[in-house]
Amino acid sequence: MLESQLDLLQQHLIVEKGLARNTLAAYMSDLQHFCAFAQARGASTFQELTREDIIGYLAERRQQGIAARTIARELVSLKTLYRFLHLYEAGTADPTAQIQAP
């Protein structure tokens, strides 16, 4: 289910938002990393993850030596994902809403 949610988002970003190829590639790469994180936690949908999970993910990425600028972009990717889910899947909360970029 996680992968199908990413596929829907990718189509949305291509068709509705018209993102540049490089931007789209960066977002999808970021979200693939997050997808692996979600799968490791046993989540079958992104809606199962909480604000604390997302903060933990970003902290884990920082511990891996990922630059603050890259983590900030990853947060933008996550915010894009959760805004999409909120718009297209009624009732989906946005756990990224109150998270500030590093």
N, C-alpha and C. Protein backbone atom coordinates (compact mmCIF):
# COMPACT_ATOMS: atom_id res chain seq x y z
N MET A 1 0.83 -1.21 0.00
CA MET A 1 0.00 0.00 0.00
C MET A 1 0.86 1.26 0.00
N LEU A 2 1.99 1.24 0.72
CA LEU A 2 2.87 2.40 0.75
C LEU A 2 3.32 2.77 -0.66
N GLU A 3 3.74 1.76 -1.41
CA GLU A 3 4.22 2.01 -2.78
C GLU A 3 3.10 2.56 -3.66
N SER A 4 1.89 2.06 -3.49
CA SER A 4 0.79 2.56 -4.31
C SER A 4 0.46 4.01 -3.95
N GLN A 5 0.61 4.36 -2.67
CA GLN A 5 0.41 5.76 -2.29
C GLN A 5 1.47 6.66 -2.94
N LEU A 6 2.70 6.18 -3.00
CA LEU A 6 3.76 6.95 -3.66
C LEU A 6 3.51 7.07 -5.15
N ASP A 7 3.01 6.00 -5.76
CA ASP A 7 2.70 6.05 -7.19
C ASP A 7 1.63 7.10 -7.49
N LEU A 8 0.58 7.13 -6.64
CA LEU A 8 -0.48 8.13 -6.81
C LEU A 8 0.07 9.55 -6.65
N LEU A 9 0.92 9.74 -5.66
CA LEU A 9 1.53 11.05 -5.45
C LEU A 9 2.37 11.44 -6.66
N GLN A 10 3.17 10.52 -7.16
CA GLN A 10 4.02 10.82 -8.30
C GLN A 10 3.18 11.26 -9.51
N GLN A 11 2.11 10.55 -9.77
CA GLN A 11 1.23 10.94 -10.88
C GLN A 11 0.64 12.33 -10.64
N HIS A 12 0.25 12.60 -9.41
CA HIS A 12 -0.29 13.92 -9.06
C HIS A 12 0.75 15.02 -9.31
N LEU A 13 1.98 14.77 -8.89
CA LEU A 13 3.03 15.77 -9.05
C LEU A 13 3.37 16.01 -10.52
N ILE A 14 3.26 14.98 -11.33
CA ILE A 14 3.53 15.12 -12.76
C ILE A 14 2.39 15.85 -13.45
N VAL A 15 1.18 15.36 -13.24
CA VAL A 15 0.02 15.87 -13.98
C VAL A 15 -0.49 17.19 -13.43
N GLU A 16 -0.71 17.24 -12.12
CA GLU A 16 -1.34 18.42 -11.52
C GLU A 16 -0.36 19.54 -11.22
N LYS A 17 0.82 19.20 -10.75
CA LYS A 17 1.77 20.21 -10.32
C LYS A 17 2.81 20.54 -11.38
N GLY A 18 3.04 19.64 -12.32
CA GLY A 18 4.00 19.90 -13.38
C GLY A 18 5.42 20.14 -12.87
N LEU A 19 5.83 19.38 -11.87
CA LEU A 19 7.16 19.58 -11.30
C LEU A 19 8.25 19.28 -12.32
N ALA A 20 9.35 19.98 -12.19
CA ALA A 20 10.52 19.72 -13.03
C ALA A 20 11.02 18.31 -12.75
N ARG A 21 11.62 17.70 -13.75
CA ARG A 21 12.10 16.32 -13.64
C ARG A 21 13.04 16.12 -12.45
N ASN A 22 13.98 17.04 -12.26
CA ASN A 22 14.94 16.91 -11.16
C ASN A 22 14.26 17.04 -9.80
N THR A 23 13.32 17.95 -9.70
CA THR A 23 12.58 18.13 -8.44
C THR A 23 11.77 16.87 -8.14
N LEU A 24 11.09 16.37 -9.14
CA LEU A 24 10.30 15.15 -8.97
C LEU A 24 11.19 13.99 -8.55
N ALA A 25 12.34 13.85 -9.19
CA ALA A 25 13.27 12.76 -8.85
C ALA A 25 13.75 12.89 -7.41
N ALA A 26 14.07 14.11 -6.98
CA ALA A 26 14.53 14.32 -5.61
C ALA A 26 13.44 13.99 -4.60
N TYR A 27 12.21 14.45 -4.84
CA TYR A 27 11.10 14.16 -3.94
C TYR A 27 10.87 12.65 -3.84
N MET A 28 10.85 11.98 -4.98
CA MET A 28 10.57 10.55 -4.96
C MET A 28 11.69 9.76 -4.29
N SER A 29 12.92 10.20 -4.47
CA SER A 29 14.04 9.55 -3.79
C SER A 29 13.90 9.72 -2.27
N ASP A 30 13.59 10.95 -1.86
CA ASP A 30 13.37 11.21 -0.44
C ASP A 30 12.27 10.31 0.12
N LEU A 31 11.20 10.20 -0.62
CA LEU A 31 10.05 9.43 -0.14
C LEU A 31 10.30 7.93 -0.17
N GLN A 32 11.18 7.47 -1.04
CA GLN A 32 11.56 6.05 -1.03
C GLN A 32 12.31 5.73 0.26
N HIS A 33 13.19 6.64 0.70
CA HIS A 33 13.87 6.44 1.98
C HIS A 33 12.86 6.39 3.12
N PHE A 34 11.91 7.30 3.08
CA PHE A 34 10.89 7.34 4.12
C PHE A 34 10.01 6.09 4.07
N CYS A 35 9.74 5.61 2.88
CA CYS A 35 8.95 4.40 2.71
C CYS A 35 9.65 3.21 3.37
N ALA A 36 10.95 3.10 3.18
CA ALA A 36 11.72 2.03 3.81
C ALA A 36 11.65 2.14 5.33
N PHE A 37 11.73 3.36 5.84
CA PHE A 37 11.60 3.62 7.28
C PHE A 37 10.23 3.15 7.76
N ALA A 38 9.18 3.52 7.03
CA ALA A 38 7.81 3.15 7.41
C ALA A 38 7.63 1.63 7.40
N GLN A 39 8.17 0.98 6.38
CA GLN A 39 8.07 -0.48 6.30
C GLN A 39 8.79 -1.15 7.46
N ALA A 40 9.94 -0.61 7.84
CA ALA A 40 10.70 -1.16 8.96
C ALA A 40 9.91 -1.05 10.26
N ARG A 41 9.01 -0.09 10.32
CA ARG A 41 8.18 0.09 11.51
C ARG A 41 6.86 -0.68 11.42
N GLY A 42 6.69 -1.41 10.32
CA GLY A 42 5.49 -2.22 10.16
C GLY A 42 4.27 -1.49 9.66
N ALA A 43 4.45 -0.27 9.16
CA ALA A 43 3.33 0.51 8.66
C ALA A 43 2.92 0.01 7.27
N SER A 44 1.63 -0.06 7.03
CA SER A 44 1.15 -0.45 5.70
C SER A 44 0.65 0.77 4.92
N THR A 45 0.40 1.87 5.62
CA THR A 45 0.05 3.14 4.99
C THR A 45 0.81 4.26 5.70
N PHE A 46 0.97 5.37 5.02
CA PHE A 46 1.65 6.51 5.64
C PHE A 46 0.81 7.13 6.76
N GLN A 47 -0.49 6.94 6.70
CA GLN A 47 -1.37 7.50 7.72
C GLN A 47 -1.14 6.88 9.09
N GLU A 48 -0.53 5.72 9.13
CA GLU A 48 -0.28 5.05 10.42
C GLU A 48 0.86 5.71 11.20
N LEU A 49 1.64 6.54 10.54
CA LEU A 49 2.79 7.16 11.19
C LEU A 49 2.39 8.46 11.88
N THR A 50 3.04 8.74 12.98
CA THR A 50 2.72 9.91 13.78
C THR A 50 3.79 11.00 13.60
N ARG A 51 3.50 12.13 14.20
CA ARG A 51 4.47 13.22 14.21
C ARG A 51 5.79 12.77 14.83
N GLU A 52 5.70 11.99 15.89
CA GLU A 52 6.90 11.49 16.57
C GLU A 52 7.70 10.56 15.67
N ASP A 53 7.00 9.75 14.86
CA ASP A 53 7.69 8.88 13.90
C ASP A 53 8.48 9.71 12.90
N ILE A 54 7.85 10.77 12.43
CA ILE A 54 8.51 11.61 11.42
C ILE A 54 9.70 12.34 12.02
N ILE A 55 9.55 12.85 13.22
CA ILE A 55 10.68 13.50 13.90
C ILE A 55 11.80 12.48 14.11
N GLY A 56 11.44 11.26 14.50
CA GLY A 56 12.43 10.20 14.67
C GLY A 56 13.14 9.88 13.36
N TYR A 57 12.40 9.86 12.27
CA TYR A 57 13.00 9.61 10.95
C TYR A 57 14.01 10.70 10.61
N LEU A 58 13.62 11.95 10.79
CA LEU A 58 14.52 13.07 10.47
C LEU A 58 15.77 13.04 11.37
N ALA A 59 15.59 12.69 12.63
CA ALA A 59 16.73 12.58 13.55
C ALA A 59 17.65 11.44 13.11
N GLU A 60 17.06 10.34 12.70
CA GLU A 60 17.85 9.21 12.22
C GLU A 60 18.67 9.59 10.99
N ARG A 61 18.06 10.33 10.09
CA ARG A 61 18.76 10.78 8.88
C ARG A 61 19.94 11.69 9.27
N ARG A 62 19.73 12.54 10.26
CA ARG A 62 20.81 13.43 10.72
C ARG A 62 21.95 12.61 11.32
N GLN A 63 21.61 11.58 12.09
CA GLN A 63 22.63 10.71 12.68
C GLN A 63 23.40 9.95 11.62
N GLN A 64 22.78 9.74 10.47
CA GLN A 64 23.45 9.07 9.36
C GLN A 64 24.42 10.01 8.63
N GLY A 65 24.46 11.26 9.06
CA GLY A 65 25.37 12.23 8.45
C GLY A 65 24.78 12.99 7.29
N ILE A 66 23.48 12.91 7.11
CA ILE A 66 22.81 13.64 6.04
C ILE A 66 22.81 15.13 6.39
N ALA A 67 23.15 15.96 5.42
CA ALA A 67 23.25 17.40 5.63
C ALA A 67 21.90 18.01 5.99
N ALA A 68 21.94 19.07 6.79
CA ALA A 68 20.72 19.76 7.22
C ALA A 68 19.91 20.23 6.02
N ARG A 69 20.57 20.69 4.99
CA ARG A 69 19.88 21.17 3.78
C ARG A 69 19.09 20.03 3.12
N THR A 70 19.69 18.85 3.07
CA THR A 70 19.02 17.69 2.50
C THR A 70 17.85 17.27 3.37
N ILE A 71 18.03 17.31 4.68
CA ILE A 71 16.95 16.96 5.59
C ILE A 71 15.79 17.95 5.45
N ALA A 72 16.12 19.21 5.25
CA ALA A 72 15.07 20.22 5.04
C ALA A 72 14.28 19.89 3.77
N ARG A 73 14.97 19.48 2.71
CA ARG A 73 14.27 19.10 1.47
C ARG A 73 13.42 17.85 1.71
N GLU A 74 13.95 16.90 2.49
CA GLU A 74 13.18 15.70 2.80
C GLU A 74 11.90 16.06 3.56
N LEU A 75 11.99 17.03 4.44
CA LEU A 75 10.80 17.47 5.16
C LEU A 75 9.78 18.07 4.19
N VAL A 76 10.26 18.84 3.22
CA VAL A 76 9.35 19.39 2.20
C VAL A 76 8.68 18.25 1.43
N SER A 77 9.45 17.22 1.11
CA SER A 77 8.88 16.05 0.42
C SER A 77 7.81 15.39 1.28
N LEU A 78 8.09 15.25 2.57
CA LEU A 78 7.11 14.64 3.48
C LEU A 78 5.86 15.50 3.61
N LYS A 79 6.05 16.81 3.69
CA LYS A 79 4.90 17.71 3.77
C LYS A 79 4.05 17.61 2.51
N THR A 80 4.71 17.48 1.36
CA THR A 80 4.00 17.32 0.09
C THR A 80 3.18 16.03 0.11
N LEU A 81 3.78 14.96 0.58
CA LEU A 81 3.08 13.67 0.67
C LEU A 81 1.85 13.79 1.56
N TYR A 82 2.01 14.33 2.75
CA TYR A 82 0.89 14.38 3.68
C TYR A 82 -0.18 15.38 3.26
N ARG A 83 0.19 16.45 2.58
CA ARG A 83 -0.83 17.37 2.05
C ARG A 83 -1.64 16.66 0.97
N PHE A 84 -0.95 15.91 0.12
CA PHE A 84 -1.64 15.13 -0.92
C PHE A 84 -2.61 14.14 -0.27
N LEU A 85 -2.15 13.40 0.71
CA LEU A 85 -3.02 12.43 1.38
C LEU A 85 -4.21 13.11 2.04
N HIS A 86 -3.96 14.28 2.62
CA HIS A 86 -5.04 15.03 3.27
C HIS A 86 -6.09 15.46 2.25
N LEU A 87 -5.65 15.89 1.08
CA LEU A 87 -6.58 16.36 0.04
C LEU A 87 -7.36 15.22 -0.60
N TYR A 88 -6.70 14.11 -0.83
CA TYR A 88 -7.31 13.05 -1.62
C TYR A 88 -7.82 11.87 -0.82
N GLU A 89 -7.52 11.81 0.43
CA GLU A 89 -8.04 10.75 1.28
C GLU A 89 -8.62 11.42 2.52
N ALA A 90 -9.88 11.68 2.47
CA ALA A 90 -10.57 12.45 3.50
C ALA A 90 -10.25 11.94 4.90
N GLY A 91 -10.04 12.87 5.78
CA GLY A 91 -9.82 12.52 7.18
C GLY A 91 -8.37 12.24 7.54
N THR A 92 -7.49 12.32 6.56
CA THR A 92 -6.08 12.06 6.84
C THR A 92 -5.48 13.26 7.55
N ALA A 93 -4.93 13.03 8.72
CA ALA A 93 -4.27 14.10 9.47
C ALA A 93 -2.89 14.36 8.85
N ASP A 94 -2.37 15.54 9.09
CA ASP A 94 -1.04 15.90 8.58
C ASP A 94 -0.08 15.98 9.76
N PRO A 95 0.67 14.90 10.01
CA PRO A 95 1.60 14.91 11.13
C PRO A 95 2.82 15.80 10.92
N THR A 96 2.98 16.33 9.71
CA THR A 96 4.12 17.21 9.44
C THR A 96 3.78 18.68 9.67
N ALA A 97 2.52 18.98 9.95
CA ALA A 97 2.05 20.36 9.99
C ALA A 97 2.85 21.25 10.95
N GLN A 98 3.22 20.74 12.10
CA GLN A 98 3.89 21.56 13.10
C GLN A 98 5.40 21.31 13.19
N ILE A 99 5.95 20.60 12.20
CA ILE A 99 7.38 20.30 12.22
C ILE A 99 8.11 21.37 11.42
N GLN A 100 9.12 21.97 12.05
CA GLN A 100 9.91 23.03 11.42
C GLN A 100 11.17 22.43 10.77
N ALA A 101 11.60 23.04 9.71
CA ALA A 101 12.82 22.60 9.02
C ALA A 101 14.03 22.86 9.92
N PRO A 102 15.06 22.00 9.80
CA PRO A 102 16.26 22.20 10.62
C PRO A 102 17.00 23.46 10.21
